[in-house]
Amino acid sequence: MPHIGKLIKEELDRQERTPAWLARKINCERPNVYYIFRQQSINTDLLMQISRALNVDFFQYYSDEYTEER
């Protein structure tokens, strides 16, 4: 199972964006973004917001794992 919080943090860093930027994009407080980074799993609505903000299909990580398991 992918550690989605870690993947989100890595992508945010790759894009050279800050947690404050992401917080504004997904309409939450900055400390909540740090909480997201620590999460192994995440609510799908929130993941969709983050995917749109960063322009990355984070759902693909789950699809890839499912395909590999088959």
PDB file of N, CA and C in Angstrom:
ATOM      1  N   MET A   1       0.843  -1.180   0.000  1.00  0.00           N
ATOM      2  CA  MET A   1       0.000   0.000   0.000  1.00  0.00           C
ATOM      3  C   MET A   1       0.890   1.246   0.000  1.00  0.00           C
ATOM      4  N   PRO A   2       0.638   2.167  -0.912  1.00  0.00           N
ATOM      5  CA  PRO A   2       1.472   3.374  -0.936  1.00  0.00           C
ATOM      6  C   PRO A   2       1.218   4.255   0.293  1.00  0.00           C
ATOM      7  N   HIS A   3       2.255   4.902   0.771  1.00  0.00           N
ATOM      8  CA  HIS A   3       2.097   5.880   1.856  1.00  0.00           C
ATOM      9  C   HIS A   3       1.754   7.202   1.178  1.00  0.00           C
ATOM     10  N   ILE A   4       0.467   7.484   1.078  1.00  0.00           N
ATOM     11  CA  ILE A   4      -0.005   8.601   0.266  1.00  0.00           C
ATOM     12  C   ILE A   4       0.474   9.950   0.790  1.00  0.00           C
ATOM     13  N   GLY A   5       0.559  10.100   2.098  1.00  0.00           N
ATOM     14  CA  GLY A   5       1.046  11.358   2.657  1.00  0.00           C
ATOM     15  C   GLY A   5       2.467  11.659   2.239  1.00  0.00           C
ATOM     16  N   LYS A   6       3.299  10.639   2.241  1.00  0.00           N
ATOM     17  CA  LYS A   6       4.690  10.796   1.816  1.00  0.00           C
ATOM     18  C   LYS A   6       4.757  11.155   0.334  1.00  0.00           C
ATOM     19  N   LEU A   7       3.929  10.513  -0.478  1.00  0.00           N
ATOM     20  CA  LEU A   7       3.910  10.803  -1.913  1.00  0.00           C
ATOM     21  C   LEU A   7       3.461  12.238  -2.187  1.00  0.00           C
ATOM     22  N   ILE A   8       2.490  12.708  -1.433  1.00  0.00           N
ATOM     23  CA  ILE A   8       2.016  14.089  -1.583  1.00  0.00           C
ATOM     24  C   ILE A   8       3.131  15.064  -1.210  1.00  0.00           C
ATOM     25  N   LYS A   9       3.802  14.796  -0.101  1.00  0.00           N
ATOM     26  CA  LYS A   9       4.912  15.663   0.340  1.00  0.00           C
ATOM     27  C   LYS A   9       6.017  15.693  -0.703  1.00  0.00           C
ATOM     28  N   GLU A  10       6.371  14.533  -1.237  1.00  0.00           N
ATOM     29  CA  GLU A  10       7.425  14.465  -2.252  1.00  0.00           C
ATOM     30  C   GLU A  10       7.046  15.283  -3.494  1.00  0.00           C
ATOM     31  N   GLU A  11       5.788  15.191  -3.912  1.00  0.00           N
ATOM     32  CA  GLU A  11       5.355  15.943  -5.085  1.00  0.00           C
ATOM     33  C   GLU A  11       5.335  17.445  -4.801  1.00  0.00           C
ATOM     34  N   LEU A  12       4.887  17.811  -3.624  1.00  0.00           N
ATOM     35  CA  LEU A  12       4.880  19.228  -3.243  1.00  0.00           C
ATOM     36  C   LEU A  12       6.310  19.780  -3.276  1.00  0.00           C
ATOM     37  N   ASP A  13       7.253  19.025  -2.732  1.00  0.00           N
ATOM     38  CA  ASP A  13       8.663  19.430  -2.752  1.00  0.00           C
ATOM     39  C   ASP A  13       9.189  19.501  -4.183  1.00  0.00           C
ATOM     40  N   ARG A  14       8.835  18.515  -5.003  1.00  0.00           N
ATOM     41  CA  ARG A  14       9.297  18.489  -6.389  1.00  0.00           C
ATOM     42  C   ARG A  14       8.832  19.737  -7.148  1.00  0.00           C
ATOM     43  N   GLN A  15       7.611  20.162  -6.848  1.00  0.00           N
ATOM     44  CA  GLN A  15       7.069  21.353  -7.498  1.00  0.00           C
ATOM     45  C   GLN A  15       7.527  22.657  -6.832  1.00  0.00           C
ATOM     46  N   GLU A  16       8.322  22.504  -5.789  1.00  0.00           N
ATOM     47  CA  GLU A  16       8.842  23.654  -5.031  1.00  0.00           C
ATOM     48  C   GLU A  16       7.716  24.538  -4.502  1.00  0.00           C
ATOM     49  N   ARG A  17       6.710  23.876  -3.970  1.00  0.00           N
ATOM     50  CA  ARG A  17       5.569  24.574  -3.367  1.00  0.00           C
ATOM     51  C   ARG A  17       5.609  24.345  -1.858  1.00  0.00           C
ATOM     52  N   THR A  18       4.944  25.211  -1.130  1.00  0.00           N
ATOM     53  CA  THR A  18       4.970  25.142   0.331  1.00  0.00           C
ATOM     54  C   THR A  18       3.689  24.504   0.877  1.00  0.00           C
ATOM     55  N   PRO A  19       3.748  24.006   2.106  1.00  0.00           N
ATOM     56  CA  PRO A  19       2.523  23.529   2.743  1.00  0.00           C
ATOM     57  C   PRO A  19       1.462  24.630   2.841  1.00  0.00           C
ATOM     58  N   ALA A  20       1.885  25.867   3.046  1.00  0.00           N
ATOM     59  CA  ALA A  20       0.926  26.977   3.103  1.00  0.00           C
ATOM     60  C   ALA A  20       0.208  27.141   1.765  1.00  0.00           C
ATOM     61  N   TRP A  21       0.931  26.980   0.677  1.00  0.00           N
ATOM     62  CA  TRP A  21       0.319  27.068  -0.662  1.00  0.00           C
ATOM     63  C   TRP A  21      -0.750  25.983  -0.823  1.00  0.00           C
ATOM     64  N   LEU A  22      -0.399  24.750  -0.447  1.00  0.00           N
ATOM     65  CA  LEU A  22      -1.355  23.648  -0.570  1.00  0.00           C
ATOM     66  C   LEU A  22      -2.561  23.883   0.331  1.00  0.00           C
ATOM     67  N   ALA A  23      -2.329  24.361   1.522  1.00  0.00           N
ATOM     68  CA  ALA A  23      -3.435  24.646   2.444  1.00  0.00           C
ATOM     69  C   ALA A  23      -4.413  25.632   1.826  1.00  0.00           C
ATOM     70  N   ARG A  24      -3.908  26.669   1.196  1.00  0.00           N
ATOM     71  CA  ARG A  24      -4.793  27.640   0.528  1.00  0.00           C
ATOM     72  C   ARG A  24      -5.563  26.977  -0.607  1.00  0.00           C
ATOM     73  N   LYS A  25      -4.892  26.128  -1.376  1.00  0.00           N
ATOM     74  CA  LYS A  25      -5.529  25.480  -2.522  1.00  0.00           C
ATOM     75  C   LYS A  25      -6.647  24.517  -2.120  1.00  0.00           C
ATOM     76  N   ILE A  26      -6.469  23.848  -0.993  1.00  0.00           N
ATOM     77  CA  ILE A  26      -7.480  22.864  -0.570  1.00  0.00           C
ATOM     78  C   ILE A  26      -8.347  23.387   0.574  1.00  0.00           C
ATOM     79  N   ASN A  27      -8.180  24.668   0.872  1.00  0.00           N
ATOM     80  CA  ASN A  27      -9.033  25.338   1.858  1.00  0.00           C
ATOM     81  C   ASN A  27      -8.966  24.697   3.243  1.00  0.00           C
ATOM     82  N   CYS A  28      -7.749  24.626   3.770  1.00  0.00           N
ATOM     83  CA  CYS A  28      -7.575  24.126   5.136  1.00  0.00           C
ATOM     84  C   CYS A  28      -6.442  24.902   5.797  1.00  0.00           C
ATOM     85  N   GLU A  29      -6.205  24.629   7.041  1.00  0.00           N
ATOM     86  CA  GLU A  29      -5.123  25.281   7.784  1.00  0.00           C
ATOM     87  C   GLU A  29      -3.802  24.553   7.518  1.00  0.00           C
ATOM     88  N   ARG A  30      -2.710  25.286   7.567  1.00  0.00           N
ATOM     89  CA  ARG A  30      -1.386  24.723   7.303  1.00  0.00           C
ATOM     90  C   ARG A  30      -1.055  23.511   8.181  1.00  0.00           C
ATOM     91  N   PRO A  31      -1.371  23.526   9.490  1.00  0.00           N
ATOM     92  CA  PRO A  31      -1.069  22.332  10.297  1.00  0.00           C
ATOM     93  C   PRO A  31      -1.762  21.071   9.781  1.00  0.00           C
ATOM     94  N   ASN A  32      -2.914  21.234   9.141  1.00  0.00           N
ATOM     95  CA  ASN A  32      -3.610  20.064   8.587  1.00  0.00           C
ATOM     96  C   ASN A  32      -2.820  19.442   7.435  1.00  0.00           C
ATOM     97  N   VAL A  33      -2.095  20.271   6.696  1.00  0.00           N
ATOM     98  CA  VAL A  33      -1.276  19.742   5.601  1.00  0.00           C
ATOM     99  C   VAL A  33      -0.169  18.863   6.176  1.00  0.00           C
ATOM    100  N   TYR A  34       0.451  19.280   7.259  1.00  0.00           N
ATOM    101  CA  TYR A  34       1.480  18.452   7.897  1.00  0.00           C
ATOM    102  C   TYR A  34       0.874  17.145   8.407  1.00  0.00           C
ATOM    103  N   TYR A  35      -0.357  17.201   8.876  1.00  0.00           N
ATOM    104  CA  TYR A  35      -1.061  15.989   9.304  1.00  0.00           C
ATOM    105  C   TYR A  35      -1.259  15.052   8.105  1.00  0.00           C
ATOM    106  N   ILE A  36      -1.638  15.611   6.964  1.00  0.00           N
ATOM    107  CA  ILE A  36      -1.825  14.813   5.745  1.00  0.00           C
ATOM    108  C   ILE A  36      -0.533  14.096   5.381  1.00  0.00           C
ATOM    109  N   PHE A  37       0.603  14.769   5.504  1.00  0.00           N
ATOM    110  CA  PHE A  37       1.894  14.163   5.165  1.00  0.00           C
ATOM    111  C   PHE A  37       2.169  12.901   5.978  1.00  0.00           C
ATOM    112  N   ARG A  38       1.627  12.820   7.173  1.00  0.00           N
ATOM    113  CA  ARG A  38       1.877  11.670   8.052  1.00  0.00           C
ATOM    114  C   ARG A  38       0.919  10.507   7.809  1.00  0.00           C
ATOM    115  N   GLN A  39      -0.079  10.705   6.963  1.00  0.00           N
ATOM    116  CA  GLN A  39      -1.131   9.697   6.793  1.00  0.00           C
ATOM    117  C   GLN A  39      -0.766   8.628   5.772  1.00  0.00           C
ATOM    118  N   GLN A  40      -1.015   7.390   6.154  1.00  0.00           N
ATOM    119  CA  GLN A  40      -0.842   6.246   5.259  1.00  0.00           C
ATOM    120  C   GLN A  40      -1.966   6.199   4.226  1.00  0.00           C
ATOM    121  N   SER A  41      -3.165   6.587   4.652  1.00  0.00           N
ATOM    122  CA  SER A  41      -4.322   6.606   3.755  1.00  0.00           C
ATOM    123  C   SER A  41      -5.043   7.945   3.925  1.00  0.00           C
ATOM    124  N   ILE A  42      -5.988   8.217   2.997  1.00  0.00           N
ATOM    125  CA  ILE A  42      -6.604   9.541   2.976  1.00  0.00           C
ATOM    126  C   ILE A  42      -8.013   9.431   2.397  1.00  0.00           C
ATOM    127  N   ASN A  43      -8.873  10.312   2.804  1.00  0.00           N
ATOM    128  CA  ASN A  43     -10.232  10.411   2.286  1.00  0.00           C
ATOM    129  C   ASN A  43     -10.174  10.701   0.786  1.00  0.00           C
ATOM    130  N   THR A  44     -11.031  10.047   0.014  1.00  0.00           N
ATOM    131  CA  THR A  44     -10.971  10.210  -1.444  1.00  0.00           C
ATOM    132  C   THR A  44     -11.333  11.622  -1.897  1.00  0.00           C
ATOM    133  N   ASP A  45     -12.254  12.289  -1.226  1.00  0.00           N
ATOM    134  CA  ASP A  45     -12.587  13.673  -1.593  1.00  0.00           C
ATOM    135  C   ASP A  45     -11.380  14.589  -1.412  1.00  0.00           C
ATOM    136  N   LEU A  46     -10.691  14.412  -0.297  1.00  0.00           N
ATOM    137  CA  LEU A  46      -9.492  15.210  -0.040  1.00  0.00           C
ATOM    138  C   LEU A  46      -8.402  14.877  -1.049  1.00  0.00           C
ATOM    139  N   LEU A  47      -8.248  13.595  -1.362  1.00  0.00           N
ATOM    140  CA  LEU A  47      -7.240  13.205  -2.342  1.00  0.00           C
ATOM    141  C   LEU A  47      -7.536  13.815  -3.708  1.00  0.00           C
ATOM    142  N   MET A  48      -8.804  13.924  -4.062  1.00  0.00           N
ATOM    143  CA  MET A  48      -9.178  14.556  -5.326  1.00  0.00           C
ATOM    144  C   MET A  48      -8.798  16.039  -5.316  1.00  0.00           C
ATOM    145  N   GLN A  49      -9.045  16.725  -4.212  1.00  0.00           N
ATOM    146  CA  GLN A  49      -8.676  18.140  -4.102  1.00  0.00           C
ATOM    147  C   GLN A  49      -7.166  18.321  -4.252  1.00  0.00           C
ATOM    148  N   ILE A  50      -6.420  17.464  -3.597  1.00  0.00           N
ATOM    149  CA  ILE A  50      -4.959  17.549  -3.652  1.00  0.00           C
ATOM    150  C   ILE A  50      -4.468  17.219  -5.059  1.00  0.00           C
ATOM    151  N   SER A  51      -5.055  16.219  -5.675  1.00  0.00           N
ATOM    152  CA  SER A  51      -4.692  15.851  -7.046  1.00  0.00           C
ATOM    153  C   SER A  51      -4.910  17.022  -7.993  1.00  0.00           C
ATOM    154  N   ARG A  52      -6.029  17.693  -7.843  1.00  0.00           N
ATOM    155  CA  ARG A  52      -6.320  18.854  -8.695  1.00  0.00           C
ATOM    156  C   ARG A  52      -5.354  19.998  -8.415  1.00  0.00           C
ATOM    157  N   ALA A  53      -5.073  20.254  -7.151  1.00  0.00           N
ATOM    158  CA  ALA A  53      -4.181  21.364  -6.792  1.00  0.00           C
ATOM    159  C   ALA A  53      -2.782  21.155  -7.358  1.00  0.00           C
ATOM    160  N   LEU A  54      -2.293  19.913  -7.284  1.00  0.00           N
ATOM    161  CA  LEU A  54      -0.933  19.622  -7.727  1.00  0.00           C
ATOM    162  C   LEU A  54      -0.885  19.111  -9.167  1.00  0.00           C
ATOM    163  N   ASN A  55      -2.057  18.931  -9.761  1.00  0.00           N
ATOM    164  CA  ASN A  55      -2.156  18.425 -11.129  1.00  0.00           C
ATOM    165  C   ASN A  55      -1.459  17.070 -11.290  1.00  0.00           C
ATOM    166  N   VAL A  56      -1.723  16.191 -10.322  1.00  0.00           N
ATOM    167  CA  VAL A  56      -1.155  14.843 -10.296  1.00  0.00           C
ATOM    168  C   VAL A  56      -2.273  13.870  -9.930  1.00  0.00           C
ATOM    169  N   ASP A  57      -2.357  12.760 -10.643  1.00  0.00           N
ATOM    170  CA  ASP A  57      -3.356  11.737 -10.343  1.00  0.00           C
ATOM    171  C   ASP A  57      -2.808  10.803  -9.265  1.00  0.00           C
ATOM    172  N   PHE A  58      -3.033  11.159  -8.009  1.00  0.00           N
ATOM    173  CA  PHE A  58      -2.544  10.324  -6.912  1.00  0.00           C
ATOM    174  C   PHE A  58      -3.294   8.999  -6.824  1.00  0.00           C
ATOM    175  N   PHE A  59      -4.466   8.915  -7.417  1.00  0.00           N
ATOM    176  CA  PHE A  59      -5.211   7.661  -7.444  1.00  0.00           C
ATOM    177  C   PHE A  59      -4.460   6.597  -8.245  1.00  0.00           C
ATOM    178  N   GLN A  60      -3.621   7.043  -9.158  1.00  0.00           N
ATOM    179  CA  GLN A  60      -2.863   6.116  -9.998  1.00  0.00           C
ATOM    180  C   GLN A  60      -1.957   5.215  -9.158  1.00  0.00           C
ATOM    181  N   TYR A  61      -1.456   5.722  -8.028  1.00  0.00           N
ATOM    182  CA  TYR A  61      -0.608   4.900  -7.173  1.00  0.00           C
ATOM    183  C   TYR A  61      -1.367   3.687  -6.654  1.00  0.00           C
ATOM    184  N   TYR A  62      -2.655   3.862  -6.366  1.00  0.00           N
ATOM    185  CA  TYR A  62      -3.475   2.749  -5.906  1.00  0.00           C
ATOM    186  C   TYR A  62      -3.792   1.808  -7.061  1.00  0.00           C
ATOM    187  N   SER A  63      -4.073   2.370  -8.223  1.00  0.00           N
ATOM    188  CA  SER A  63      -4.358   1.551  -9.407  1.00  0.00           C
ATOM    189  C   SER A  63      -3.147   0.707  -9.774  1.00  0.00           C
ATOM    190  N   ASP A  64      -1.981   1.311  -9.733  1.00  0.00           N
ATOM    191  CA  ASP A  64      -0.756   0.580 -10.064  1.00  0.00           C
ATOM    192  C   ASP A  64      -0.541  -0.584  -9.110  1.00  0.00           C
ATOM    193  N   GLU A  65      -0.771  -0.348  -7.839  1.00  0.00           N
ATOM    194  CA  GLU A  65      -0.587  -1.426  -6.861  1.00  0.00           C
ATOM    195  C   GLU A  65      -1.593  -2.539  -7.080  1.00  0.00           C
ATOM    196  N   TYR A  66      -2.825  -2.185  -7.372  1.00  0.00           N
ATOM    197  CA  TYR A  66      -3.858  -3.183  -7.632  1.00  0.00           C
ATOM    198  C   TYR A  66      -3.470  -4.035  -8.832  1.00  0.00           C
ATOM    199  N   THR A  67      -2.995  -3.397  -9.883  1.00  0.00           N
ATOM    200  CA  THR A  67      -2.604  -4.118 -11.104  1.00  0.00           C
ATOM    201  C   THR A  67      -1.436  -5.053 -10.831  1.00  0.00           C
ATOM    202  N   GLU A  68      -0.484  -4.614 -10.040  1.00  0.00           N
ATOM    203  CA  GLU A  68       0.677  -5.443  -9.710  1.00  0.00           C
ATOM    204  C   GLU A  68       0.293  -6.668  -8.887  1.00  0.00           C
ATOM    205  N   GLU A  69      -0.725  -6.542  -8.065  1.00  0.00           N
ATOM    206  CA  GLU A  69      -1.159  -7.644  -7.200  1.00  0.00           C
ATOM    207  C   GLU A  69      -1.895  -8.726  -7.970  1.00  0.00           C
ATOM    208  N   ARG A  70      -2.401  -8.395  -9.129  1.00  0.00           N
ATOM    209  CA  ARG A  70      -3.185  -9.372  -9.908  1.00  0.00           C
ATOM    210  C   ARG A  70      -2.318 -10.286 -10.634  1.00  0.00           C
TER     211      ARG A  70
END
